Amino acid sequence: AGGSAAGDLLLEVQFRPHPRYRADGRDLLLTVPVAPWEAALGAVVPVRLPGGEVRVRVPEGAQSGAQLRLRGKGIPGDPPGDARLDLQVVLPPADSPRARQLYETMARELDFDPRAAAQ
C-alpha cells in the first residue's frame, strides 16, 4: 500500500525484570516456596504461572535447590520454553510456645545433622 516496496519489519523485544519470574532463553525460571512437611512428605502445591495456576507435585524428600521442569509452560514460541521451578524450603517461625515445642521435639527425636555431608 502507498507504493512502497515490500520489506521485512525487524523488532527487538526487551523484557523488564519481573519480581517473580526470570527468563533463560524461552525458559521461565521461578522460585517456589514449600513448607518443610511438603518437602519431606511430598505434596501437590499450586504454582502461579503467567498463563494461570498449575498444580505441581513436590517429590517426597525434596531439598531446597531441587529443580522441577514443566515442559512447554515457559515463554510461548516454536517450540515453547519450559517452566523451571527452583524449590525453596521455608521454615515456619518459632514464634509461639507450640512452635518452639515442635522444634524442640524434632531436635530431640530426629537423628539429623545438616552438616554431616559437608565434613
PDB file of N, CA and C in Angstrom:
ATOM      1  N   ALA A   1       0.837  -1.178   0.000  1.00  0.00           N
ATOM      2  CA  ALA A   1       0.000   0.000   0.000  1.00  0.00           C
ATOM      3  C   ALA A   1       0.875   1.232   0.000  1.00  0.00           C
ATOM      4  N   GLY A   2       0.420   2.282  -0.638  1.00  0.00           N
ATOM      5  CA  GLY A   2       1.148   3.539  -0.672  1.00  0.00           C
ATOM      6  C   GLY A   2       2.324   3.523  -1.624  1.00  0.00           C
ATOM      7  N   GLY A   3       2.457   2.519  -2.444  1.00  0.00           N
ATOM      8  CA  GLY A   3       3.511   2.475  -3.431  1.00  0.00           C
ATOM      9  C   GLY A   3       4.875   2.088  -2.889  1.00  0.00           C
ATOM     10  N   SER A   4       4.972   1.695  -1.640  1.00  0.00           N
ATOM     11  CA  SER A   4       6.261   1.297  -1.068  1.00  0.00           C
ATOM     12  C   SER A   4       6.576  -0.145  -1.422  1.00  0.00           C
ATOM     13  N   ALA A   5       7.851  -0.440  -1.482  1.00  0.00           N
ATOM     14  CA  ALA A   5       8.281  -1.814  -1.745  1.00  0.00           C
ATOM     15  C   ALA A   5       8.067  -2.663  -0.502  1.00  0.00           C
ATOM     16  N   ALA A   6       7.798  -3.940  -0.727  1.00  0.00           N
ATOM     17  CA  ALA A   6       7.640  -4.871   0.390  1.00  0.00           C
ATOM     18  C   ALA A   6       8.984  -5.043   1.083  1.00  0.00           C
ATOM     19  N   GLY A   7       8.956  -5.244   2.372  1.00  0.00           N
ATOM     20  CA  GLY A   7      10.204  -5.428   3.117  1.00  0.00           C
ATOM     21  C   GLY A   7       9.950  -6.140   4.431  1.00  0.00           C
ATOM     22  N   ASP A   8      11.007  -6.357   5.148  1.00  0.00           N
ATOM     23  CA  ASP A   8      10.913  -7.018   6.446  1.00  0.00           C
ATOM     24  C   ASP A   8      10.815  -5.966   7.543  1.00  0.00           C
ATOM     25  N   LEU A   9      10.073  -6.295   8.569  1.00  0.00           N
ATOM     26  CA  LEU A   9       9.982  -5.458   9.757  1.00  0.00           C
ATOM     27  C   LEU A   9      10.705  -6.199  10.871  1.00  0.00           C
ATOM     28  N   LEU A  10      11.753  -5.614  11.390  1.00  0.00           N
ATOM     29  CA  LEU A  10      12.518  -6.231  12.463  1.00  0.00           C
ATOM     30  C   LEU A  10      12.179  -5.543  13.772  1.00  0.00           C
ATOM     31  N   LEU A  11      11.837  -6.345  14.764  1.00  0.00           N
ATOM     32  CA  LEU A  11      11.514  -5.827  16.087  1.00  0.00           C
ATOM     33  C   LEU A  11      12.477  -6.410  17.100  1.00  0.00           C
ATOM     34  N   GLU A  12      12.905  -5.592  18.036  1.00  0.00           N
ATOM     35  CA  GLU A  12      13.712  -6.075  19.147  1.00  0.00           C
ATOM     36  C   GLU A  12      12.857  -5.960  20.397  1.00  0.00           C
ATOM     37  N   VAL A  13      12.633  -7.086  21.049  1.00  0.00           N
ATOM     38  CA  VAL A  13      11.785  -7.125  22.238  1.00  0.00           C
ATOM     39  C   VAL A  13      12.675  -7.229  23.462  1.00  0.00           C
ATOM     40  N   GLN A  14      12.422  -6.383  24.442  1.00  0.00           N
ATOM     41  CA  GLN A  14      13.154  -6.436  25.700  1.00  0.00           C
ATOM     42  C   GLN A  14      12.160  -6.657  26.827  1.00  0.00           C
ATOM     43  N   PHE A  15      12.538  -7.523  27.757  1.00  0.00           N
ATOM     44  CA  PHE A  15      11.707  -7.788  28.922  1.00  0.00           C
ATOM     45  C   PHE A  15      12.212  -6.952  30.087  1.00  0.00           C
ATOM     46  N   ARG A  16      11.288  -6.335  30.804  1.00  0.00           N
ATOM     47  CA  ARG A  16      11.654  -5.667  32.042  1.00  0.00           C
ATOM     48  C   ARG A  16      11.747  -6.725  33.137  1.00  0.00           C
ATOM     49  N   PRO A  17      12.639  -6.538  34.106  1.00  0.00           N
ATOM     50  CA  PRO A  17      12.729  -7.519  35.197  1.00  0.00           C
ATOM     51  C   PRO A  17      11.386  -7.658  35.906  1.00  0.00           C
ATOM     52  N   HIS A  18      11.044  -8.875  36.246  1.00  0.00           N
ATOM     53  CA  HIS A  18       9.803  -9.165  36.951  1.00  0.00           C
ATOM     54  C   HIS A  18      10.169  -9.628  38.358  1.00  0.00           C
ATOM     55  N   PRO A  19       9.411  -9.233  39.376  1.00  0.00           N
ATOM     56  CA  PRO A  19       9.778  -9.627  40.742  1.00  0.00           C
ATOM     57  C   PRO A  19       9.668 -11.135  40.986  1.00  0.00           C
ATOM     58  N   ARG A  20       8.931 -11.843  40.167  1.00  0.00           N
ATOM     59  CA  ARG A  20       8.668 -13.266  40.414  1.00  0.00           C
ATOM     60  C   ARG A  20       9.330 -14.192  39.394  1.00  0.00           C
ATOM     61  N   TYR A  21       9.460 -13.749  38.157  1.00  0.00           N
ATOM     62  CA  TYR A  21       9.938 -14.611  37.077  1.00  0.00           C
ATOM     63  C   TYR A  21      11.244 -14.086  36.497  1.00  0.00           C
ATOM     64  N   ARG A  22      12.077 -15.021  36.015  1.00  0.00           N
ATOM     65  CA  ARG A  22      13.281 -14.698  35.260  1.00  0.00           C
ATOM     66  C   ARG A  22      13.215 -15.503  33.972  1.00  0.00           C
ATOM     67  N   ALA A  23      13.928 -15.064  32.961  1.00  0.00           N
ATOM     68  CA  ALA A  23      13.935 -15.781  31.684  1.00  0.00           C
ATOM     69  C   ALA A  23      15.345 -16.267  31.385  1.00  0.00           C
ATOM     70  N   ASP A  24      15.413 -17.455  30.800  1.00  0.00           N
ATOM     71  CA  ASP A  24      16.662 -18.023  30.293  1.00  0.00           C
ATOM     72  C   ASP A  24      16.327 -18.562  28.912  1.00  0.00           C
ATOM     73  N   GLY A  25      16.556 -17.724  27.889  1.00  0.00           N
ATOM     74  CA  GLY A  25      16.068 -18.083  26.559  1.00  0.00           C
ATOM     75  C   GLY A  25      14.547 -18.094  26.601  1.00  0.00           C
ATOM     76  N   ARG A  26      13.951 -19.193  26.200  1.00  0.00           N
ATOM     77  CA  ARG A  26      12.491 -19.323  26.270  1.00  0.00           C
ATOM     78  C   ARG A  26      12.017 -19.956  27.580  1.00  0.00           C
ATOM     79  N   ASP A  27      12.968 -20.369  28.414  1.00  0.00           N
ATOM     80  CA  ASP A  27      12.588 -20.970  29.692  1.00  0.00           C
ATOM     81  C   ASP A  27      12.241 -19.883  30.706  1.00  0.00           C
ATOM     82  N   LEU A  28      11.261 -20.181  31.526  1.00  0.00           N
ATOM     83  CA  LEU A  28      10.812 -19.292  32.587  1.00  0.00           C
ATOM     84  C   LEU A  28      11.310 -19.886  33.901  1.00  0.00           C
ATOM     85  N   LEU A  29      12.020 -19.101  34.700  1.00  0.00           N
ATOM     86  CA  LEU A  29      12.578 -19.587  35.956  1.00  0.00           C
ATOM     87  C   LEU A  29      11.880 -18.899  37.112  1.00  0.00           C
ATOM     88  N   LEU A  30      11.499 -19.685  38.119  1.00  0.00           N
ATOM     89  CA  LEU A  30      10.911 -19.087  39.306  1.00  0.00           C
ATOM     90  C   LEU A  30      11.184 -19.938  40.525  1.00  0.00           C
ATOM     91  N   THR A  31      11.174 -19.290  41.680  1.00  0.00           N
ATOM     92  CA  THR A  31      11.374 -19.959  42.957  1.00  0.00           C
ATOM     93  C   THR A  31      10.009 -20.282  43.547  1.00  0.00           C
ATOM     94  N   VAL A  32       9.868 -21.524  44.028  1.00  0.00           N
ATOM     95  CA  VAL A  32       8.609 -21.968  44.628  1.00  0.00           C
ATOM     96  C   VAL A  32       8.869 -22.282  46.100  1.00  0.00           C
ATOM     97  N   PRO A  33       8.319 -21.479  47.024  1.00  0.00           N
ATOM     98  CA  PRO A  33       8.484 -21.779  48.441  1.00  0.00           C
ATOM     99  C   PRO A  33       7.618 -22.976  48.839  1.00  0.00           C
ATOM    100  N   VAL A  34       8.196 -23.880  49.646  1.00  0.00           N
ATOM    101  CA  VAL A  34       7.441 -25.031  50.156  1.00  0.00           C
ATOM    102  C   VAL A  34       7.699 -25.162  51.652  1.00  0.00           C
ATOM    103  N   ALA A  35       6.717 -25.680  52.372  1.00  0.00           N
ATOM    104  CA  ALA A  35       6.848 -25.923  53.803  1.00  0.00           C
ATOM    105  C   ALA A  35       7.709 -27.167  54.027  1.00  0.00           C
ATOM    106  N   PRO A  36       8.367 -27.278  55.172  1.00  0.00           N
ATOM    107  CA  PRO A  36       9.200 -28.451  55.433  1.00  0.00           C
ATOM    108  C   PRO A  36       8.446 -29.772  55.296  1.00  0.00           C
ATOM    109  N   TRP A  37       7.205 -29.812  55.752  1.00  0.00           N
ATOM    110  CA  TRP A  37       6.440 -31.061  55.664  1.00  0.00           C
ATOM    111  C   TRP A  37       6.059 -31.383  54.224  1.00  0.00           C
ATOM    112  N   GLU A  38       5.865 -30.359  53.383  1.00  0.00           N
ATOM    113  CA  GLU A  38       5.599 -30.612  51.960  1.00  0.00           C
ATOM    114  C   GLU A  38       6.831 -31.217  51.294  1.00  0.00           C
ATOM    115  N   ALA A  39       8.008 -30.697  51.651  1.00  0.00           N
ATOM    116  CA  ALA A  39       9.249 -31.214  51.073  1.00  0.00           C
ATOM    117  C   ALA A  39       9.554 -32.617  51.596  1.00  0.00           C
ATOM    118  N   ALA A  40       9.365 -32.839  52.875  1.00  0.00           N
ATOM    119  CA  ALA A  40       9.710 -34.131  53.476  1.00  0.00           C
ATOM    120  C   ALA A  40       8.745 -35.240  53.062  1.00  0.00           C
ATOM    121  N   LEU A  41       7.461 -34.935  53.051  1.00  0.00           N
ATOM    122  CA  LEU A  41       6.440 -35.960  52.817  1.00  0.00           C
ATOM    123  C   LEU A  41       5.961 -36.026  51.376  1.00  0.00           C
ATOM    124  N   GLY A  42       6.280 -35.004  50.592  1.00  0.00           N
ATOM    125  CA  GLY A  42       5.730 -34.900  49.241  1.00  0.00           C
ATOM    126  C   GLY A  42       4.375 -34.214  49.308  1.00  0.00           C
ATOM    127  N   ALA A  43       4.046 -33.474  48.281  1.00  0.00           N
ATOM    128  CA  ALA A  43       2.782 -32.732  48.271  1.00  0.00           C
ATOM    129  C   ALA A  43       2.496 -32.254  46.857  1.00  0.00           C
ATOM    130  N   VAL A  44       1.266 -31.826  46.658  1.00  0.00           N
ATOM    131  CA  VAL A  44       0.881 -31.141  45.425  1.00  0.00           C
ATOM    132  C   VAL A  44       0.621 -29.693  45.819  1.00  0.00           C
ATOM    133  N   VAL A  45       1.356 -28.761  45.192  1.00  0.00           N
ATOM    134  CA  VAL A  45       1.263 -27.352  45.566  1.00  0.00           C
ATOM    135  C   VAL A  45       0.848 -26.514  44.360  1.00  0.00           C
ATOM    136  N   PRO A  46       0.111 -25.426  44.598  1.00  0.00           N
ATOM    137  CA  PRO A  46      -0.253 -24.533  43.492  1.00  0.00           C
ATOM    138  C   PRO A  46       0.926 -23.632  43.130  1.00  0.00           C
ATOM    139  N   VAL A  47       1.104 -23.408  41.832  1.00  0.00           N
ATOM    140  CA  VAL A  47       2.158 -22.522  41.333  1.00  0.00           C
ATOM    141  C   VAL A  47       1.531 -21.587  40.313  1.00  0.00           C
ATOM    142  N   ARG A  48       1.722 -20.274  40.516  1.00  0.00           N
ATOM    143  CA  ARG A  48       1.190 -19.285  39.568  1.00  0.00           C
ATOM    144  C   ARG A  48       2.183 -19.066  38.441  1.00  0.00           C
ATOM    145  N   LEU A  49       1.729 -19.298  37.226  1.00  0.00           N
ATOM    146  CA  LEU A  49       2.499 -19.005  36.025  1.00  0.00           C
ATOM    147  C   LEU A  49       1.778 -17.892  35.275  1.00  0.00           C
ATOM    148  N   PRO A  50       2.432 -17.215  34.345  1.00  0.00           N
ATOM    149  CA  PRO A  50       1.748 -16.149  33.601  1.00  0.00           C
ATOM    150  C   PRO A  50       0.469 -16.627  32.908  1.00  0.00           C
ATOM    151  N   GLY A  51       0.411 -17.891  32.499  1.00  0.00           N
ATOM    152  CA  GLY A  51      -0.773 -18.416  31.823  1.00  0.00           C
ATOM    153  C   GLY A  51      -1.843 -18.933  32.757  1.00  0.00           C
ATOM    154  N   GLY A  52      -1.622 -18.854  34.066  1.00  0.00           N
ATOM    155  CA  GLY A  52      -2.595 -19.344  35.035  1.00  0.00           C
ATOM    156  C   GLY A  52      -1.939 -20.263  36.052  1.00  0.00           C
ATOM    157  N   GLU A  53      -2.730 -20.708  36.991  1.00  0.00           N
ATOM    158  CA  GLU A  53      -2.223 -21.555  38.067  1.00  0.00           C
ATOM    159  C   GLU A  53      -2.154 -23.011  37.623  1.00  0.00           C
ATOM    160  N   VAL A  54      -1.081 -23.687  38.026  1.00  0.00           N
ATOM    161  CA  VAL A  54      -0.942 -25.126  37.801  1.00  0.00           C
ATOM    162  C   VAL A  54      -0.661 -25.772  39.150  1.00  0.00           C
ATOM    163  N   ARG A  55      -0.931 -27.062  39.237  1.00  0.00           N
ATOM    164  CA  ARG A  55      -0.640 -27.816  40.457  1.00  0.00           C
ATOM    165  C   ARG A  55       0.566 -28.699  40.163  1.00  0.00           C
ATOM    166  N   VAL A  56       1.548 -28.635  41.041  1.00  0.00           N
ATOM    167  CA  VAL A  56       2.826 -29.304  40.824  1.00  0.00           C
ATOM    168  C   VAL A  56       3.080 -30.286  41.966  1.00  0.00           C
ATOM    169  N   ARG A  57       3.546 -31.480  41.609  1.00  0.00           N
ATOM    170  CA  ARG A  57       3.864 -32.487  42.618  1.00  0.00           C
ATOM    171  C   ARG A  57       5.298 -32.286  43.096  1.00  0.00           C
ATOM    172  N   VAL A  58       5.441 -32.026  44.386  1.00  0.00           N
ATOM    173  CA  VAL A  58       6.754 -31.941  45.024  1.00  0.00           C
ATOM    174  C   VAL A  58       7.088 -33.358  45.484  1.00  0.00           C
ATOM    175  N   PRO A  59       8.212 -33.918  45.021  1.00  0.00           N
ATOM    176  CA  PRO A  59       8.519 -35.299  45.403  1.00  0.00           C
ATOM    177  C   PRO A  59       8.914 -35.417  46.874  1.00  0.00           C
ATOM    178  N   GLU A  60       8.604 -36.543  47.456  1.00  0.00           N
ATOM    179  CA  GLU A  60       8.981 -36.828  48.836  1.00  0.00           C
ATOM    180  C   GLU A  60      10.498 -36.701  48.994  1.00  0.00           C
ATOM    181  N   GLY A  61      10.927 -36.040  50.066  1.00  0.00           N
ATOM    182  CA  GLY A  61      12.356 -35.880  50.333  1.00  0.00           C
ATOM    183  C   GLY A  61      13.014 -34.745  49.565  1.00  0.00           C
ATOM    184  N   ALA A  62      12.228 -33.869  48.961  1.00  0.00           N
ATOM    185  CA  ALA A  62      12.787 -32.748  48.189  1.00  0.00           C
ATOM    186  C   ALA A  62      13.584 -31.824  49.108  1.00  0.00           C
ATOM    187  N   GLN A  63      14.651 -31.264  48.571  1.00  0.00           N
ATOM    188  CA  GLN A  63      15.505 -30.337  49.313  1.00  0.00           C
ATOM    189  C   GLN A  63      15.444 -28.960  48.655  1.00  0.00           C
ATOM    190  N   SER A  64      15.820 -27.929  49.409  1.00  0.00           N
ATOM    191  CA  SER A  64      15.970 -26.600  48.809  1.00  0.00           C
ATOM    192  C   SER A  64      16.969 -26.699  47.668  1.00  0.00           C
ATOM    193  N   GLY A  65      16.671 -26.030  46.571  1.00  0.00           N
ATOM    194  CA  GLY A  65      17.545 -26.061  45.408  1.00  0.00           C
ATOM    195  C   GLY A  65      17.166 -27.124  44.395  1.00  0.00           C
ATOM    196  N   ALA A  66      16.298 -28.061  44.777  1.00  0.00           N
ATOM    197  CA  ALA A  66      15.840 -29.064  43.803  1.00  0.00           C
ATOM    198  C   ALA A  66      15.073 -28.345  42.707  1.00  0.00           C
ATOM    199  N   GLN A  67      15.222 -28.818  41.472  1.00  0.00           N
ATOM    200  CA  GLN A  67      14.535 -28.180  40.349  1.00  0.00           C
ATOM    201  C   GLN A  67      13.526 -29.127  39.725  1.00  0.00           C
ATOM    202  N   LEU A  68      12.378 -28.572  39.395  1.00  0.00           N
ATOM    203  CA  LEU A  68      11.333 -29.290  38.670  1.00  0.00           C
ATOM    204  C   LEU A  68      11.143 -28.586  37.337  1.00  0.00           C
ATOM    205  N   ARG A  69      10.810 -29.346  36.300  1.00  0.00           N
ATOM    206  CA  ARG A  69      10.625 -28.772  34.960  1.00  0.00           C
ATOM    207  C   ARG A  69       9.205 -29.069  34.489  1.00  0.00           C
ATOM    208  N   LEU A  70       8.531 -28.016  34.019  1.00  0.00           N
ATOM    209  CA  LEU A  70       7.210 -28.162  33.407  1.00  0.00           C
ATOM    210  C   LEU A  70       7.379 -27.894  31.919  1.00  0.00           C
ATOM    211  N   ARG A  71       7.392 -28.946  31.136  1.00  0.00           N
ATOM    212  CA  ARG A  71       7.646 -28.822  29.692  1.00  0.00           C
ATOM    213  C   ARG A  71       6.535 -28.017  29.007  1.00  0.00           C
ATOM    214  N   GLY A  72       6.959 -27.064  28.174  1.00  0.00           N
ATOM    215  CA  GLY A  72       6.025 -26.280  27.385  1.00  0.00           C
ATOM    216  C   GLY A  72       5.280 -25.198  28.139  1.00  0.00           C
ATOM    217  N   LYS A  73       5.616 -24.980  29.423  1.00  0.00           N
ATOM    218  CA  LYS A  73       4.906 -23.977  30.234  1.00  0.00           C
ATOM    219  C   LYS A  73       5.700 -22.680  30.383  1.00  0.00           C
ATOM    220  N   GLY A  74       6.765 -22.527  29.586  1.00  0.00           N
ATOM    221  CA  GLY A  74       7.578 -21.319  29.658  1.00  0.00           C
ATOM    222  C   GLY A  74       7.090 -20.260  28.691  1.00  0.00           C
ATOM    223  N   ILE A  75       8.020 -19.534  28.099  1.00  0.00           N
ATOM    224  CA  ILE A  75       7.689 -18.455  27.170  1.00  0.00           C
ATOM    225  C   ILE A  75       7.204 -19.069  25.860  1.00  0.00           C
ATOM    226  N   PRO A  76       6.050 -18.608  25.349  1.00  0.00           N
ATOM    227  CA  PRO A  76       5.498 -19.185  24.116  1.00  0.00           C
ATOM    228  C   PRO A  76       6.449 -19.015  22.937  1.00  0.00           C
ATOM    229  N   GLY A  77       6.374 -19.924  22.013  1.00  0.00           N
ATOM    230  CA  GLY A  77       7.184 -19.875  20.805  1.00  0.00           C
ATOM    231  C   GLY A  77       7.103 -21.211  20.100  1.00  0.00           C
ATOM    232  N   ASP A  78       7.978 -21.387  19.136  1.00  0.00           N
ATOM    233  CA  ASP A  78       8.009 -22.651  18.401  1.00  0.00           C
ATOM    234  C   ASP A  78       9.438 -23.173  18.419  1.00  0.00           C
ATOM    235  N   PRO A  79       9.807 -23.998  19.352  1.00  0.00           N
ATOM    236  CA  PRO A  79       8.970 -24.624  20.378  1.00  0.00           C
ATOM    237  C   PRO A  79       8.833 -23.710  21.604  1.00  0.00           C
ATOM    238  N   PRO A  80       7.809 -23.956  22.421  1.00  0.00           N
ATOM    239  CA  PRO A  80       7.672 -23.169  23.650  1.00  0.00           C
ATOM    240  C   PRO A  80       8.758 -23.559  24.653  1.00  0.00           C
ATOM    241  N   GLY A  81       9.075 -22.625  25.525  1.00  0.00           N
ATOM    242  CA  GLY A  81      10.048 -22.912  26.576  1.00  0.00           C
ATOM    243  C   GLY A  81       9.415 -23.695  27.714  1.00  0.00           C
ATOM    244  N   ASP A  82      10.243 -24.066  28.656  1.00  0.00           N
ATOM    245  CA  ASP A  82       9.787 -24.794  29.837  1.00  0.00           C
ATOM    246  C   ASP A  82       9.732 -23.842  31.026  1.00  0.00           C
ATOM    247  N   ALA A  83       8.945 -24.196  32.027  1.00  0.00           N
ATOM    248  CA  ALA A  83       8.992 -23.504  33.314  1.00  0.00           C
ATOM    249  C   ALA A  83       9.910 -24.337  34.200  1.00  0.00           C
ATOM    250  N   ARG A  84      10.958 -23.702  34.724  1.00  0.00           N
ATOM    251  CA  ARG A  84      11.895 -24.388  35.614  1.00  0.00           C
ATOM    252  C   ARG A  84      11.690 -23.834  37.016  1.00  0.00           C
ATOM    253  N   LEU A  85      11.287 -24.715  37.911  1.00  0.00           N
ATOM    254  CA  LEU A  85      10.931 -24.325  39.267  1.00  0.00           C
ATOM    255  C   LEU A  85      12.054 -24.705  40.219  1.00  0.00           C
ATOM    256  N   ASP A  86      12.506 -23.750  41.002  1.00  0.00           N
ATOM    257  CA  ASP A  86      13.548 -23.964  41.999  1.00  0.00           C
ATOM    258  C   ASP A  86      12.860 -24.021  43.362  1.00  0.00           C
ATOM    259  N   LEU A  87      12.877 -25.193  44.009  1.00  0.00           N
ATOM    260  CA  LEU A  87      12.204 -25.341  45.298  1.00  0.00           C
ATOM    261  C   LEU A  87      13.020 -24.681  46.407  1.00  0.00           C
ATOM    262  N   GLN A  88      12.320 -23.986  47.292  1.00  0.00           N
ATOM    263  CA  GLN A  88      12.951 -23.341  48.438  1.00  0.00           C
ATOM    264  C   GLN A  88      12.158 -23.727  49.682  1.00  0.00           C
ATOM    265  N   VAL A  89      12.772 -24.537  50.547  1.00  0.00           N
ATOM    266  CA  VAL A  89      12.110 -24.940  51.785  1.00  0.00           C
ATOM    267  C   VAL A  89      12.160 -23.753  52.744  1.00  0.00           C
ATOM    268  N   VAL A  90      10.992 -23.353  53.226  1.00  0.00           N
ATOM    269  CA  VAL A  90      10.872 -22.196  54.115  1.00  0.00           C
ATOM    270  C   VAL A  90      10.415 -22.688  55.483  1.00  0.00           C
ATOM    271  N   LEU A  91      11.184 -22.352  56.505  1.00  0.00           N
ATOM    272  CA  LEU A  91      10.856 -22.787  57.863  1.00  0.00           C
ATOM    273  C   LEU A  91       9.829 -21.866  58.501  1.00  0.00           C
ATOM    274  N   PRO A  92       8.862 -22.449  59.203  1.00  0.00           N
ATOM    275  CA  PRO A  92       7.945 -21.594  59.955  1.00  0.00           C
ATOM    276  C   PRO A  92       8.682 -20.999  61.159  1.00  0.00           C
ATOM    277  N   PRO A  93       8.306 -19.805  61.570  1.00  0.00           N
ATOM    278  CA  PRO A  93       8.985 -19.190  62.712  1.00  0.00           C
ATOM    279  C   PRO A  93       8.649 -19.920  64.015  1.00  0.00           C
ATOM    280  N   ALA A  94       9.582 -19.885  64.943  1.00  0.00           N
ATOM    281  CA  ALA A  94       9.350 -20.451  66.279  1.00  0.00           C
ATOM    282  C   ALA A  94       8.845 -19.323  67.171  1.00  0.00           C
ATOM    283  N   ASP A  95       7.699 -18.767  66.792  1.00  0.00           N
ATOM    284  CA  ASP A  95       7.205 -17.557  67.451  1.00  0.00           C
ATOM    285  C   ASP A  95       6.037 -17.799  68.401  1.00  0.00           C
ATOM    286  N   SER A  96       5.819 -19.053  68.754  1.00  0.00           N
ATOM    287  CA  SER A  96       4.778 -19.372  69.735  1.00  0.00           C
ATOM    288  C   SER A  96       5.291 -20.531  70.585  1.00  0.00           C
ATOM    289  N   PRO A  97       4.735 -20.705  71.776  1.00  0.00           N
ATOM    290  CA  PRO A  97       5.171 -21.839  72.602  1.00  0.00           C
ATOM    291  C   PRO A  97       4.995 -23.183  71.883  1.00  0.00           C
ATOM    292  N   ARG A  98       3.913 -23.350  71.163  1.00  0.00           N
ATOM    293  CA  ARG A  98       3.669 -24.620  70.453  1.00  0.00           C
ATOM    294  C   ARG A  98       4.701 -24.836  69.342  1.00  0.00           C
ATOM    295  N   ALA A  99       5.016 -23.792  68.593  1.00  0.00           N
ATOM    296  CA  ALA A  99       6.013 -23.921  67.530  1.00  0.00           C
ATOM    297  C   ALA A  99       7.378 -24.270  68.124  1.00  0.00           C
ATOM    298  N   ARG A 100       7.752 -23.611  69.214  1.00  0.00           N
ATOM    299  CA  ARG A 100       9.030 -23.931  69.873  1.00  0.00           C
ATOM    300  C   ARG A 100       9.033 -25.376  70.352  1.00  0.00           C
ATOM    301  N   GLN A 101       7.920 -25.816  70.909  1.00  0.00           N
ATOM    302  CA  GLN A 101       7.817 -27.196  71.402  1.00  0.00           C
ATOM    303  C   GLN A 101       8.010 -28.192  70.254  1.00  0.00           C
ATOM    304  N   LEU A 102       7.415 -27.920  69.110  1.00  0.00           N
ATOM    305  CA  LEU A 102       7.564 -28.818  67.963  1.00  0.00           C
ATOM    306  C   LEU A 102       9.018 -28.874  67.496  1.00  0.00           C
ATOM    307  N   TYR A 103       9.687 -27.732  67.413  1.00  0.00           N
ATOM    308  CA  TYR A 103      11.103 -27.713  67.029  1.00  0.00           C
ATOM    309  C   TYR A 103      11.959 -28.462  68.064  1.00  0.00           C
ATOM    310  N   GLU A 104      11.680 -28.257  69.350  1.00  0.00           N
ATOM    311  CA  GLU A 104      12.439 -28.945  70.398  1.00  0.00           C
ATOM    312  C   GLU A 104      12.229 -30.452  70.326  1.00  0.00           C
ATOM    313  N   THR A 105      11.005 -30.882  70.026  1.00  0.00           N
ATOM    314  CA  THR A 105      10.723 -32.313  69.868  1.00  0.00           C
ATOM    315  C   THR A 105      11.509 -32.885  68.694  1.00  0.00           C
ATOM    316  N   MET A 106      11.522 -32.183  67.570  1.00  0.00           N
ATOM    317  CA  MET A 106      12.301 -32.662  66.419  1.00  0.00           C
ATOM    318  C   MET A 106      13.786 -32.729  66.763  1.00  0.00           C
ATOM    319  N   ALA A 107      14.299 -31.717  67.464  1.00  0.00           N
ATOM    320  CA  ALA A 107      15.721 -31.698  67.822  1.00  0.00           C
ATOM    321  C   ALA A 107      16.082 -32.895  68.697  1.00  0.00           C
ATOM    322  N   ARG A 108      15.190 -33.272  69.594  1.00  0.00           N
ATOM    323  CA  ARG A 108      15.430 -34.409  70.485  1.00  0.00           C
ATOM    324  C   ARG A 108      15.291 -35.747  69.772  1.00  0.00           C
ATOM    325  N   GLU A 109      14.256 -35.883  68.953  1.00  0.00           N
ATOM    326  CA  GLU A 109      13.879 -37.197  68.438  1.00  0.00           C
ATOM    327  C   GLU A 109      14.454 -37.558  67.071  1.00  0.00           C
ATOM    328  N   LEU A 110      14.875 -36.580  66.295  1.00  0.00           N
ATOM    329  CA  LEU A 110      15.404 -36.880  64.966  1.00  0.00           C
ATOM    330  C   LEU A 110      16.926 -36.929  65.004  1.00  0.00           C
ATOM    331  N   ASP A 111      17.495 -37.997  64.473  1.00  0.00           N
ATOM    332  CA  ASP A 111      18.944 -38.115  64.362  1.00  0.00           C
ATOM    333  C   ASP A 111      19.346 -37.415  63.067  1.00  0.00           C
ATOM    334  N   PHE A 112      19.564 -36.097  63.159  1.00  0.00           N
ATOM    335  CA  PHE A 112      19.785 -35.305  61.953  1.00  0.00           C
ATOM    336  C   PHE A 112      20.875 -34.277  62.191  1.00  0.00           C
ATOM    337  N   ASP A 113      21.901 -34.306  61.334  1.00  0.00           N
ATOM    338  CA  ASP A 113      22.958 -33.300  61.357  1.00  0.00           C
ATOM    339  C   ASP A 113      23.078 -32.747  59.941  1.00  0.00           C
ATOM    340  N   PRO A 114      22.593 -31.533  59.689  1.00  0.00           N
ATOM    341  CA  PRO A 114      22.622 -30.996  58.329  1.00  0.00           C
ATOM    342  C   PRO A 114      24.040 -30.755  57.810  1.00  0.00           C
ATOM    343  N   ARG A 115      25.029 -30.743  58.690  1.00  0.00           N
ATOM    344  CA  ARG A 115      26.408 -30.503  58.276  1.00  0.00           C
ATOM    345  C   ARG A 115      27.214 -31.791  58.101  1.00  0.00           C
ATOM    346  N   ALA A 116      26.605 -32.945  58.353  1.00  0.00           N
ATOM    347  CA  ALA A 116      27.327 -34.224  58.293  1.00  0.00           C
ATOM    348  C   ALA A 116      27.925 -34.476  56.910  1.00  0.00           C
ATOM    349  N   ALA A 117      27.209 -34.155  55.856  1.00  0.00           N
ATOM    350  CA  ALA A 117      27.702 -34.413  54.494  1.00  0.00           C
ATOM    351  C   ALA A 117      28.845 -33.477  54.119  1.00  0.00           C
ATOM    352  N   ALA A 118      28.966 -32.335  54.803  1.00  0.00           N
ATOM    353  CA  ALA A 118      29.997 -31.347  54.473  1.00  0.00           C
ATOM    354  C   ALA A 118      31.317 -31.635  55.183  1.00  0.00           C
ATOM    355  N   GLN A 119      31.340 -32.625  56.055  1.00  0.00           N
ATOM    356  CA  GLN A 119      32.557 -32.909  56.840  1.00  0.00           C
ATOM    357  C   GLN A 119      33.420 -33.936  56.167  1.00  0.00           C
TER     358      GLN A 119
END
